[in-house]
Amino acid sequence: MSFDLLLGDVRSLKEKRSVVRPIVSELHRKYAVSVAEVGDQDLYRRATIGLAVVSGDVGHLTDVMDRCERLVAARPEVELLSVRRRLHGDDD
């Protein structure tokens, strides 16, 4: 799963880190997912956060991804521009 974010009033990469890092930390802490900033590292006001979760139950997987998406969308300091989901199974 990946989130394309537009950051609010950010004027430096240091300010960007102060916005992105708490989101990444909260997702990891609350939902035990692997998460990191994976794109747009050189742009001040854009960020791409990638997230991975493993489960034997597709229902649980969908629930966790829905919760992660709601958490990111609810953050007032960012605008969620798009979300991309990709599911992999044994056949992939």
PDB file of N, CA and C in Angstrom:
ATOM      1  N   MET A   1       0.860  -1.167   0.000  1.00  0.00           N
ATOM      2  CA  MET A   1       0.000   0.000   0.000  1.00  0.00           C
ATOM      3  C   MET A   1       0.901   1.223   0.000  1.00  0.00           C
ATOM      4  N   SER A   2       0.492   2.262  -0.715  1.00  0.00           N
ATOM      5  CA  SER A   2       1.266   3.501  -0.671  1.00  0.00           C
ATOM      6  C   SER A   2       0.329   4.701  -0.635  1.00  0.00           C
ATOM      7  N   PHE A   3       0.790   5.732   0.048  1.00  0.00           N
ATOM      8  CA  PHE A   3       0.049   6.978   0.207  1.00  0.00           C
ATOM      9  C   PHE A   3       0.826   8.098  -0.458  1.00  0.00           C
ATOM     10  N   ASP A   4       0.170   8.853  -1.309  1.00  0.00           N
ATOM     11  CA  ASP A   4       0.756  10.045  -1.910  1.00  0.00           C
ATOM     12  C   ASP A   4       0.210  11.242  -1.135  1.00  0.00           C
ATOM     13  N   LEU A   5       1.105  11.981  -0.489  1.00  0.00           N
ATOM     14  CA  LEU A   5       0.694  13.058   0.405  1.00  0.00           C
ATOM     15  C   LEU A   5       1.176  14.421  -0.075  1.00  0.00           C
ATOM     16  N   LEU A   6       0.341  15.415   0.132  1.00  0.00           N
ATOM     17  CA  LEU A   6       0.720  16.814  -0.037  1.00  0.00           C
ATOM     18  C   LEU A   6       0.807  17.398   1.364  1.00  0.00           C
ATOM     19  N   LEU A   7       1.973  17.930   1.705  1.00  0.00           N
ATOM     20  CA  LEU A   7       2.201  18.466   3.045  1.00  0.00           C
ATOM     21  C   LEU A   7       1.776  19.923   3.095  1.00  0.00           C
ATOM     22  N   GLY A   8       1.383  20.357   4.264  1.00  0.00           N
ATOM     23  CA  GLY A   8       0.922  21.732   4.450  1.00  0.00           C
ATOM     24  C   GLY A   8       2.049  22.737   4.340  1.00  0.00           C
ATOM     25  N   ASP A   9       2.153  23.629   5.295  1.00  0.00           N
ATOM     26  CA  ASP A   9       3.111  24.735   5.282  1.00  0.00           C
ATOM     27  C   ASP A   9       4.504  24.232   5.653  1.00  0.00           C
ATOM     28  N   VAL A  10       5.191  23.621   4.692  1.00  0.00           N
ATOM     29  CA  VAL A  10       6.526  23.060   4.903  1.00  0.00           C
ATOM     30  C   VAL A  10       7.491  23.778   3.986  1.00  0.00           C
ATOM     31  N   ARG A  11       8.595  24.268   4.546  1.00  0.00           N
ATOM     32  CA  ARG A  11       9.546  25.058   3.755  1.00  0.00           C
ATOM     33  C   ARG A  11      10.940  24.453   3.708  1.00  0.00           C
ATOM     34  N   SER A  12      11.125  23.292   4.314  1.00  0.00           N
ATOM     35  CA  SER A  12      12.451  22.667   4.283  1.00  0.00           C
ATOM     36  C   SER A  12      12.292  21.159   4.457  1.00  0.00           C
ATOM     37  N   LEU A  13      13.353  20.437   4.138  1.00  0.00           N
ATOM     38  CA  LEU A  13      13.320  18.983   4.331  1.00  0.00           C
ATOM     39  C   LEU A  13      13.265  18.627   5.817  1.00  0.00           C
ATOM     40  N   LYS A  14      13.845  19.486   6.655  1.00  0.00           N
ATOM     41  CA  LYS A  14      13.783  19.256   8.100  1.00  0.00           C
ATOM     42  C   LYS A  14      12.335  19.357   8.595  1.00  0.00           C
ATOM     43  N   GLU A  15      11.609  20.357   8.133  1.00  0.00           N
ATOM     44  CA  GLU A  15      10.197  20.481   8.499  1.00  0.00           C
ATOM     45  C   GLU A  15       9.397  19.313   7.946  1.00  0.00           C
ATOM     46  N   LYS A  16       9.735  18.874   6.745  1.00  0.00           N
ATOM     47  CA  LYS A  16       9.049  17.727   6.156  1.00  0.00           C
ATOM     48  C   LYS A  16       9.222  16.501   7.049  1.00  0.00           C
ATOM     49  N   ARG A  17      10.438  16.235   7.498  1.00  0.00           N
ATOM     50  CA  ARG A  17      10.692  15.088   8.388  1.00  0.00           C
ATOM     51  C   ARG A  17       9.867  15.190   9.662  1.00  0.00           C
ATOM     52  N   SER A  18       9.692  16.411  10.173  1.00  0.00           N
ATOM     53  CA  SER A  18       8.931  16.584  11.415  1.00  0.00           C
ATOM     54  C   SER A  18       7.445  16.301  11.215  1.00  0.00           C
ATOM     55  N   VAL A  19       6.980  16.297   9.970  1.00  0.00           N
ATOM     56  CA  VAL A  19       5.586  15.948   9.672  1.00  0.00           C
ATOM     57  C   VAL A  19       5.463  14.457   9.343  1.00  0.00           C
ATOM     58  N   VAL A  20       6.379  13.949   8.522  1.00  0.00           N
ATOM     59  CA  VAL A  20       6.285  12.575   8.030  1.00  0.00           C
ATOM     60  C   VAL A  20       6.655  11.552   9.102  1.00  0.00           C
ATOM     61  N   ARG A  21       7.698  11.818   9.854  1.00  0.00           N
ATOM     62  CA  ARG A  21       8.187  10.843  10.838  1.00  0.00           C
ATOM     63  C   ARG A  21       7.124  10.444  11.867  1.00  0.00           C
ATOM     64  N   PRO A  22       6.346  11.372  12.433  1.00  0.00           N
ATOM     65  CA  PRO A  22       5.306  10.959  13.390  1.00  0.00           C
ATOM     66  C   PRO A  22       4.212  10.088  12.753  1.00  0.00           C
ATOM     67  N   ILE A  23       3.892  10.327  11.498  1.00  0.00           N
ATOM     68  CA  ILE A  23       2.892   9.510  10.815  1.00  0.00           C
ATOM     69  C   ILE A  23       3.420   8.085  10.648  1.00  0.00           C
ATOM     70  N   VAL A  24       4.651   7.972  10.199  1.00  0.00           N
ATOM     71  CA  VAL A  24       5.278   6.658  10.021  1.00  0.00           C
ATOM     72  C   VAL A  24       5.348   5.923  11.357  1.00  0.00           C
ATOM     73  N   SER A  25       5.766   6.614  12.397  1.00  0.00           N
ATOM     74  CA  SER A  25       5.887   5.999  13.724  1.00  0.00           C
ATOM     75  C   SER A  25       4.542   5.538  14.270  1.00  0.00           C
ATOM     76  N   GLU A  26       3.515   6.354  14.098  1.00  0.00           N
ATOM     77  CA  GLU A  26       2.194   5.999  14.606  1.00  0.00           C
ATOM     78  C   GLU A  26       1.617   4.790  13.872  1.00  0.00           C
ATOM     79  N   LEU A  27       1.775   4.741  12.562  1.00  0.00           N
ATOM     80  CA  LEU A  27       1.301   3.586  11.797  1.00  0.00           C
ATOM     81  C   LEU A  27       1.993   2.307  12.270  1.00  0.00           C
ATOM     82  N   HIS A  28       3.298   2.386  12.460  1.00  0.00           N
ATOM     83  CA  HIS A  28       4.062   1.214  12.919  1.00  0.00           C
ATOM     84  C   HIS A  28       3.634   0.782  14.322  1.00  0.00           C
ATOM     85  N   ARG A  29       3.502   1.742  15.209  1.00  0.00           N
ATOM     86  CA  ARG A  29       3.167   1.446  16.602  1.00  0.00           C
ATOM     87  C   ARG A  29       1.743   0.910  16.755  1.00  0.00           C
ATOM     88  N   LYS A  30       0.778   1.550  16.102  1.00  0.00           N
ATOM     89  CA  LYS A  30      -0.630   1.181  16.286  1.00  0.00           C
ATOM     90  C   LYS A  30      -1.026  -0.098  15.566  1.00  0.00           C
ATOM     91  N   TYR A  31      -0.441  -0.337  14.395  1.00  0.00           N
ATOM     92  CA  TYR A  31      -0.922  -1.440  13.566  1.00  0.00           C
ATOM     93  C   TYR A  31       0.126  -2.497  13.251  1.00  0.00           C
ATOM     94  N   ALA A  32       1.326  -2.378  13.793  1.00  0.00           N
ATOM     95  CA  ALA A  32       2.401  -3.360  13.607  1.00  0.00           C
ATOM     96  C   ALA A  32       2.651  -3.658  12.130  1.00  0.00           C
ATOM     97  N   VAL A  33       2.697  -2.617  11.326  1.00  0.00           N
ATOM     98  CA  VAL A  33       2.978  -2.750   9.898  1.00  0.00           C
ATOM     99  C   VAL A  33       4.395  -2.270   9.620  1.00  0.00           C
ATOM    100  N   SER A  34       4.946  -2.703   8.509  1.00  0.00           N
ATOM    101  CA  SER A  34       6.224  -2.164   8.050  1.00  0.00           C
ATOM    102  C   SER A  34       5.912  -0.922   7.235  1.00  0.00           C
ATOM    103  N   VAL A  35       6.540   0.182   7.569  1.00  0.00           N
ATOM    104  CA  VAL A  35       6.190   1.450   6.936  1.00  0.00           C
ATOM    105  C   VAL A  35       7.422   2.343   6.850  1.00  0.00           C
ATOM    106  N   ALA A  36       7.522   3.091   5.733  1.00  0.00           N
ATOM    107  CA  ALA A  36       8.655   4.002   5.541  1.00  0.00           C
ATOM    108  C   ALA A  36       8.291   5.025   4.476  1.00  0.00           C
ATOM    109  N   GLU A  37       9.017   6.138   4.488  1.00  0.00           N
ATOM    110  CA  GLU A  37       8.907   7.099   3.389  1.00  0.00           C
ATOM    111  C   GLU A  37       9.680   6.503   2.222  1.00  0.00           C
ATOM    112  N   VAL A  38       9.001   6.316   1.094  1.00  0.00           N
ATOM    113  CA  VAL A  38       9.608   5.586  -0.020  1.00  0.00           C
ATOM    114  C   VAL A  38       9.752   6.413  -1.301  1.00  0.00           C
ATOM    115  N   GLY A  39       9.288   7.649  -1.298  1.00  0.00           N
ATOM    116  CA  GLY A  39       9.402   8.443  -2.515  1.00  0.00           C
ATOM    117  C   GLY A  39       9.301   9.922  -2.234  1.00  0.00           C
ATOM    118  N   ASP A  40       9.693  10.709  -3.212  1.00  0.00           N
ATOM    119  CA  ASP A  40       9.645  12.172  -3.132  1.00  0.00           C
ATOM    120  C   ASP A  40      10.483  12.722  -1.978  1.00  0.00           C
ATOM    121  N   GLN A  41      11.579  12.042  -1.653  1.00  0.00           N
ATOM    122  CA  GLN A  41      12.403  12.484  -0.523  1.00  0.00           C
ATOM    123  C   GLN A  41      13.035  13.851  -0.741  1.00  0.00           C
ATOM    124  N   ASP A  42      13.207  14.252  -1.990  1.00  0.00           N
ATOM    125  CA  ASP A  42      13.872  15.531  -2.257  1.00  0.00           C
ATOM    126  C   ASP A  42      12.891  16.691  -2.433  1.00  0.00           C
ATOM    127  N   LEU A  43      11.599  16.427  -2.330  1.00  0.00           N
ATOM    128  CA  LEU A  43      10.590  17.479  -2.458  1.00  0.00           C
ATOM    129  C   LEU A  43      10.072  17.883  -1.085  1.00  0.00           C
ATOM    130  N   TYR A  44       9.952  19.173  -0.839  1.00  0.00           N
ATOM    131  CA  TYR A  44       9.524  19.668   0.477  1.00  0.00           C
ATOM    132  C   TYR A  44       8.086  19.317   0.795  1.00  0.00           C
ATOM    133  N   ARG A  45       7.180  19.529  -0.151  1.00  0.00           N
ATOM    134  CA  ARG A  45       5.755  19.450   0.161  1.00  0.00           C
ATOM    135  C   ARG A  45       5.085  18.168  -0.299  1.00  0.00           C
ATOM    136  N   ARG A  46       5.845  17.205  -0.789  1.00  0.00           N
ATOM    137  CA  ARG A  46       5.273  15.929  -1.229  1.00  0.00           C
ATOM    138  C   ARG A  46       5.967  14.797  -0.494  1.00  0.00           C
ATOM    139  N   ALA A  47       5.218  13.739  -0.245  1.00  0.00           N
ATOM    140  CA  ALA A  47       5.796  12.550   0.390  1.00  0.00           C
ATOM    141  C   ALA A  47       5.030  11.332  -0.097  1.00  0.00           C
ATOM    142  N   THR A  48       5.748  10.248  -0.254  1.00  0.00           N
ATOM    143  CA  THR A  48       5.135   8.957  -0.533  1.00  0.00           C
ATOM    144  C   THR A  48       5.524   8.024   0.596  1.00  0.00           C
ATOM    145  N   ILE A  49       4.509   7.493   1.257  1.00  0.00           N
ATOM    146  CA  ILE A  49       4.727   6.552   2.355  1.00  0.00           C
ATOM    147  C   ILE A  49       4.285   5.179   1.883  1.00  0.00           C
ATOM    148  N   GLY A  50       5.171   4.202   2.032  1.00  0.00           N
ATOM    149  CA  GLY A  50       4.870   2.826   1.665  1.00  0.00           C
ATOM    150  C   GLY A  50       4.618   1.997   2.909  1.00  0.00           C
ATOM    151  N   LEU A  51       3.700   1.049   2.786  1.00  0.00           N
ATOM    152  CA  LEU A  51       3.286   0.258   3.937  1.00  0.00           C
ATOM    153  C   LEU A  51       3.113  -1.187   3.493  1.00  0.00           C
ATOM    154  N   ALA A  52       3.560  -2.133   4.314  1.00  0.00           N
ATOM    155  CA  ALA A  52       3.390  -3.554   4.015  1.00  0.00           C
ATOM    156  C   ALA A  52       2.871  -4.271   5.250  1.00  0.00           C
ATOM    157  N   VAL A  53       1.967  -5.198   5.020  1.00  0.00           N
ATOM    158  CA  VAL A  53       1.416  -6.000   6.106  1.00  0.00           C
ATOM    159  C   VAL A  53       1.197  -7.413   5.580  1.00  0.00           C
ATOM    160  N   VAL A  54       1.439  -8.399   6.432  1.00  0.00           N
ATOM    161  CA  VAL A  54       1.287  -9.799   6.050  1.00  0.00           C
ATOM    162  C   VAL A  54       0.236 -10.432   6.939  1.00  0.00           C
ATOM    163  N   SER A  55      -0.677 -11.189   6.306  1.00  0.00           N
ATOM    164  CA  SER A  55      -1.725 -11.872   7.060  1.00  0.00           C
ATOM    165  C   SER A  55      -2.202 -13.073   6.264  1.00  0.00           C
ATOM    166  N   GLY A  56      -2.616 -14.096   6.960  1.00  0.00           N
ATOM    167  CA  GLY A  56      -3.205 -15.264   6.318  1.00  0.00           C
ATOM    168  C   GLY A  56      -4.676 -15.082   6.028  1.00  0.00           C
ATOM    169  N   ASP A  57      -5.256 -13.998   6.528  1.00  0.00           N
ATOM    170  CA  ASP A  57      -6.689 -13.731   6.392  1.00  0.00           C
ATOM    171  C   ASP A  57      -6.879 -12.423   5.621  1.00  0.00           C
ATOM    172  N   VAL A  58      -7.493 -12.514   4.444  1.00  0.00           N
ATOM    173  CA  VAL A  58      -7.687 -11.325   3.613  1.00  0.00           C
ATOM    174  C   VAL A  58      -8.581 -10.303   4.313  1.00  0.00           C
ATOM    175  N   GLY A  59      -9.565 -10.755   5.077  1.00  0.00           N
ATOM    176  CA  GLY A  59     -10.435  -9.841   5.810  1.00  0.00           C
ATOM    177  C   GLY A  59      -9.660  -9.012   6.820  1.00  0.00           C
ATOM    178  N   HIS A  60      -8.759  -9.666   7.556  1.00  0.00           N
ATOM    179  CA  HIS A  60      -7.929  -8.948   8.529  1.00  0.00           C
ATOM    180  C   HIS A  60      -7.016  -7.961   7.819  1.00  0.00           C
ATOM    181  N   LEU A  61      -6.442  -8.399   6.707  1.00  0.00           N
ATOM    182  CA  LEU A  61      -5.552  -7.552   5.928  1.00  0.00           C
ATOM    183  C   LEU A  61      -6.273  -6.284   5.457  1.00  0.00           C
ATOM    184  N   THR A  62      -7.467  -6.454   4.931  1.00  0.00           N
ATOM    185  CA  THR A  62      -8.256  -5.319   4.464  1.00  0.00           C
ATOM    186  C   THR A  62      -8.614  -4.384   5.610  1.00  0.00           C
ATOM    187  N   ASP A  63      -8.950  -4.939   6.759  1.00  0.00           N
ATOM    188  CA  ASP A  63      -9.284  -4.139   7.928  1.00  0.00           C
ATOM    189  C   ASP A  63      -8.094  -3.286   8.366  1.00  0.00           C
ATOM    190  N   VAL A  64      -6.918  -3.875   8.426  1.00  0.00           N
ATOM    191  CA  VAL A  64      -5.717  -3.137   8.835  1.00  0.00           C
ATOM    192  C   VAL A  64      -5.409  -2.024   7.833  1.00  0.00           C
ATOM    193  N   MET A  65      -5.506  -2.330   6.535  1.00  0.00           N
ATOM    194  CA  MET A  65      -5.224  -1.305   5.529  1.00  0.00           C
ATOM    195  C   MET A  65      -6.260  -0.175   5.590  1.00  0.00           C
ATOM    196  N   ASP A  66      -7.522  -0.509   5.819  1.00  0.00           N
ATOM    197  CA  ASP A  66      -8.556   0.524   5.957  1.00  0.00           C
ATOM    198  C   ASP A  66      -8.260   1.435   7.145  1.00  0.00           C
ATOM    199  N   ARG A  67      -7.858   0.842   8.266  1.00  0.00           N
ATOM    200  CA  ARG A  67      -7.532   1.635   9.455  1.00  0.00           C
ATOM    201  C   ARG A  67      -6.332   2.545   9.212  1.00  0.00           C
ATOM    202  N   CYS A  68      -5.327   2.025   8.529  1.00  0.00           N
ATOM    203  CA  CYS A  68      -4.145   2.834   8.220  1.00  0.00           C
ATOM    204  C   CYS A  68      -4.523   4.003   7.317  1.00  0.00           C
ATOM    205  N   GLU A  69      -5.357   3.736   6.332  1.00  0.00           N
ATOM    206  CA  GLU A  69      -5.786   4.803   5.429  1.00  0.00           C
ATOM    207  C   GLU A  69      -6.578   5.870   6.175  1.00  0.00           C
ATOM    208  N   ARG A  70      -7.461   5.473   7.065  1.00  0.00           N
ATOM    209  CA  ARG A  70      -8.234   6.451   7.845  1.00  0.00           C
ATOM    210  C   ARG A  70      -7.327   7.288   8.738  1.00  0.00           C
ATOM    211  N   LEU A  71      -6.314   6.656   9.331  1.00  0.00           N
ATOM    212  CA  LEU A  71      -5.384   7.394  10.199  1.00  0.00           C
ATOM    213  C   LEU A  71      -4.659   8.482   9.403  1.00  0.00           C
ATOM    214  N   VAL A  72      -4.148   8.130   8.228  1.00  0.00           N
ATOM    215  CA  VAL A  72      -3.417   9.104   7.417  1.00  0.00           C
ATOM    216  C   VAL A  72      -4.362  10.199   6.924  1.00  0.00           C
ATOM    217  N   ALA A  73      -5.547   9.826   6.474  1.00  0.00           N
ATOM    218  CA  ALA A  73      -6.511  10.805   5.948  1.00  0.00           C
ATOM    219  C   ALA A  73      -6.969  11.785   7.028  1.00  0.00           C
ATOM    220  N   ALA A  74      -6.956  11.358   8.281  1.00  0.00           N
ATOM    221  CA  ALA A  74      -7.427  12.207   9.383  1.00  0.00           C
ATOM    222  C   ALA A  74      -6.380  13.203   9.857  1.00  0.00           C
ATOM    223  N   ARG A  75      -5.142  13.075   9.397  1.00  0.00           N
ATOM    224  CA  ARG A  75      -4.093  13.995   9.847  1.00  0.00           C
ATOM    225  C   ARG A  75      -4.312  15.366   9.216  1.00  0.00           C
ATOM    226  N   PRO A  76      -4.468  16.415  10.019  1.00  0.00           N
ATOM    227  CA  PRO A  76      -4.766  17.745   9.472  1.00  0.00           C
ATOM    228  C   PRO A  76      -3.581  18.393   8.765  1.00  0.00           C
ATOM    229  N   GLU A  77      -2.369  17.955   9.042  1.00  0.00           N
ATOM    230  CA  GLU A  77      -1.190  18.595   8.455  1.00  0.00           C
ATOM    231  C   GLU A  77      -0.851  18.073   7.053  1.00  0.00           C
ATOM    232  N   VAL A  78      -1.592  17.049   6.587  1.00  0.00           N
ATOM    233  CA  VAL A  78      -1.348  16.514   5.248  1.00  0.00           C
ATOM    234  C   VAL A  78      -2.664  16.369   4.493  1.00  0.00           C
ATOM    235  N   GLU A  79      -2.556  16.393   3.164  1.00  0.00           N
ATOM    236  CA  GLU A  79      -3.694  16.102   2.310  1.00  0.00           C
ATOM    237  C   GLU A  79      -3.386  14.794   1.590  1.00  0.00           C
ATOM    238  N   LEU A  80      -4.262  13.814   1.747  1.00  0.00           N
ATOM    239  CA  LEU A  80      -4.083  12.516   1.105  1.00  0.00           C
ATOM    240  C   LEU A  80      -4.531  12.629  -0.348  1.00  0.00           C
ATOM    241  N   LEU A  81      -3.573  12.600  -1.273  1.00  0.00           N
ATOM    242  CA  LEU A  81      -3.881  12.770  -2.688  1.00  0.00           C
ATOM    243  C   LEU A  81      -4.338  11.464  -3.333  1.00  0.00           C
ATOM    244  N   SER A  82      -3.673  10.367  -2.987  1.00  0.00           N
ATOM    245  CA  SER A  82      -4.076   9.070  -3.539  1.00  0.00           C
ATOM    246  C   SER A  82      -3.556   7.939  -2.664  1.00  0.00           C
ATOM    247  N   VAL A  83      -4.221   6.800  -2.813  1.00  0.00           N
ATOM    248  CA  VAL A  83      -3.843   5.575  -2.109  1.00  0.00           C
ATOM    249  C   VAL A  83      -3.799   4.463  -3.147  1.00  0.00           C
ATOM    250  N   ARG A  84      -2.723   3.685  -3.124  1.00  0.00           N
ATOM    251  CA  ARG A  84      -2.614   2.531  -4.018  1.00  0.00           C
ATOM    252  C   ARG A  84      -2.470   1.278  -3.167  1.00  0.00           C
ATOM    253  N   ARG A  85      -3.300   0.292  -3.480  1.00  0.00           N
ATOM    254  CA  ARG A  85      -3.244  -0.984  -2.765  1.00  0.00           C
ATOM    255  C   ARG A  85      -2.907  -2.089  -3.754  1.00  0.00           C
ATOM    256  N   ARG A  86      -2.088  -3.008  -3.300  1.00  0.00           N
ATOM    257  CA  ARG A  86      -1.768  -4.184  -4.096  1.00  0.00           C
ATOM    258  C   ARG A  86      -1.714  -5.379  -3.155  1.00  0.00           C
ATOM    259  N   LEU A  87      -2.478  -6.403  -3.485  1.00  0.00           N
ATOM    260  CA  LEU A  87      -2.493  -7.628  -2.694  1.00  0.00           C
ATOM    261  C   LEU A  87      -1.723  -8.712  -3.438  1.00  0.00           C
ATOM    262  N   HIS A  88      -0.902  -9.426  -2.726  1.00  0.00           N
ATOM    263  CA  HIS A  88      -0.147 -10.551  -3.297  1.00  0.00           C
ATOM    264  C   HIS A  88      -0.589 -11.818  -2.587  1.00  0.00           C
ATOM    265  N   GLY A  89      -0.724 -12.882  -3.346  1.00  0.00           N
ATOM    266  CA  GLY A  89      -1.100 -14.165  -2.769  1.00  0.00           C
ATOM    267  C   GLY A  89      -0.082 -15.241  -3.141  1.00  0.00           C
ATOM    268  N   ASP A  90      -0.421 -16.465  -2.824  1.00  0.00           N
ATOM    269  CA  ASP A  90       0.468 -17.595  -3.113  1.00  0.00           C
ATOM    270  C   ASP A  90       0.700 -17.782  -4.606  1.00  0.00           C
ATOM    271  N   ASP A  91      -0.235 -17.353  -5.413  1.00  0.00           N
ATOM    272  CA  ASP A  91      -0.158 -17.550  -6.856  1.00  0.00           C
ATOM    273  C   ASP A  91       0.762 -16.538  -7.547  1.00  0.00           C
ATOM    274  N   ASP A  92       1.185 -15.501  -6.846  1.00  0.00           N
ATOM    275  CA  ASP A  92       2.018 -14.446  -7.451  1.00  0.00           C
ATOM    276  C   ASP A  92       3.467 -14.875  -7.556  1.00  0.00           C
TER     277      ASP A  92
END
